[in-house]
Amino acid sequence: MANHLRFVGRTVMVQNGNVEAAILAQDGVAEAVRRSRYYEKPSQARRRRAFEACRRVYCAEMARRIAFLARSARQDPWPGC
């Protein structure tokens, strides 16, 4: 089930009807090809992977917070005020 969740609710912005390019940009395939053109030093690769991991954690946390604030059936935090 977890593998299929990434396909649910995916929104892709398409310009000029070019769906293939929009999907490739969304998945990061174009960036991977561009990155593999030249040699990447191991220290730069570690730095890039660490940055991407931090960005994934940050984006997941912000999405969790936004979903928490945007939910419709939440209790009143200060009842009686």
Protein backbone atom coordinates (compact mmCIF):
# COMPACT_ATOMS: atom_id res chain seq x y z
CA MET A 1 0.00 0.00 0.00
CA ALA A 2 2.81 2.43 0.83
CA ASN A 3 4.24 2.13 -2.69
CA HIS A 4 0.90 3.14 -4.19
CA LEU A 5 0.31 6.16 -1.96
CA ARG A 6 2.80 8.27 -3.87
CA PHE A 7 0.57 8.00 -6.95
CA VAL A 8 -2.57 9.13 -5.12
CA GLY A 9 -3.30 12.83 -5.23
CA ARG A 10 -0.38 13.76 -7.45
CA THR A 11 -0.82 17.06 -9.26
CA VAL A 12 1.35 17.90 -12.25
CA MET A 13 1.46 21.39 -13.73
CA VAL A 14 1.55 21.14 -17.54
CA GLN A 15 2.64 23.94 -19.86
CA ASN A 16 1.64 23.99 -23.53
CA GLY A 17 0.20 20.47 -23.35
CA ASN A 18 3.62 18.84 -22.78
CA VAL A 19 2.59 16.14 -20.32
CA GLU A 20 5.70 13.95 -20.72
CA ALA A 21 8.11 16.74 -19.81
CA ALA A 22 5.99 17.73 -16.81
CA ILE A 23 5.94 14.17 -15.46
CA LEU A 24 9.69 13.75 -16.00
CA ALA A 25 10.31 17.00 -14.17
CA GLN A 26 8.04 15.89 -11.33
CA ASP A 27 9.87 12.58 -10.90
CA GLY A 28 13.33 14.13 -11.11
CA VAL A 29 14.46 12.05 -14.08
CA ALA A 30 15.69 15.10 -15.99
CA GLU A 31 17.72 16.26 -12.98
CA ALA A 32 19.32 12.82 -12.59
CA VAL A 33 20.33 12.78 -16.25
CA ARG A 34 21.71 16.30 -16.02
CA ARG A 35 23.62 15.38 -12.87
CA SER A 36 25.15 12.29 -14.44
CA ARG A 37 26.70 14.21 -17.33
CA TYR A 38 29.69 15.24 -15.27
CA TYR A 39 31.65 13.58 -12.50
CA GLU A 40 30.41 14.40 -9.03
CA LYS A 41 33.00 14.26 -6.31
CA PRO A 42 32.10 11.89 -3.45
CA SER A 43 32.06 14.74 -0.93
CA GLN A 44 29.65 16.71 -3.11
CA ALA A 45 27.47 13.64 -3.58
CA ARG A 46 27.30 13.11 0.20
CA ARG A 47 26.47 16.80 0.72
CA ARG A 48 23.75 16.67 -1.95
CA ARG A 49 22.22 13.46 -0.55
CA ALA A 50 22.24 14.92 2.99
CA PHE A 51 20.57 18.10 1.73
CA GLU A 52 17.92 16.09 -0.14
CA ALA A 53 17.25 13.98 2.96
CA CYS A 54 16.89 17.10 5.13
CA ARG A 55 14.58 18.63 2.55
CA ARG A 56 12.38 15.50 2.49
CA VAL A 57 12.13 15.53 6.30
CA TYR A 58 11.33 19.26 6.35
CA CYS A 59 8.68 18.95 3.62
CA ALA A 60 7.07 15.96 5.32
CA GLU A 61 6.94 17.81 8.64
CA MET A 62 5.45 20.93 7.05
CA ALA A 63 2.86 18.83 5.20
CA ARG A 64 1.95 17.16 8.50
CA ARG A 65 1.55 20.53 10.22
CA ILE A 66 -0.52 21.99 7.40
CA ALA A 67 -2.77 18.92 7.37
CA PHE A 68 -3.19 19.24 11.14
CA LEU A 69 -4.18 22.91 10.91
CA ALA A 70 -6.41 22.43 7.87
CA ARG A 71 -8.51 19.57 9.23
CA SER A 72 -12.15 20.44 9.52
CA ALA A 73 -13.37 18.40 12.50
CA ARG A 74 -11.00 19.48 15.24
CA GLN A 75 -11.91 20.35 18.82
CA ASP A 76 -12.00 23.87 20.10
CA PRO A 77 -8.71 24.31 22.03
CA TRP A 78 -10.26 26.83 24.45
CA PRO A 79 -13.81 25.71 25.25
CA GLY A 80 -15.95 28.23 27.04
CA CYS A 81 -14.01 31.32 25.97
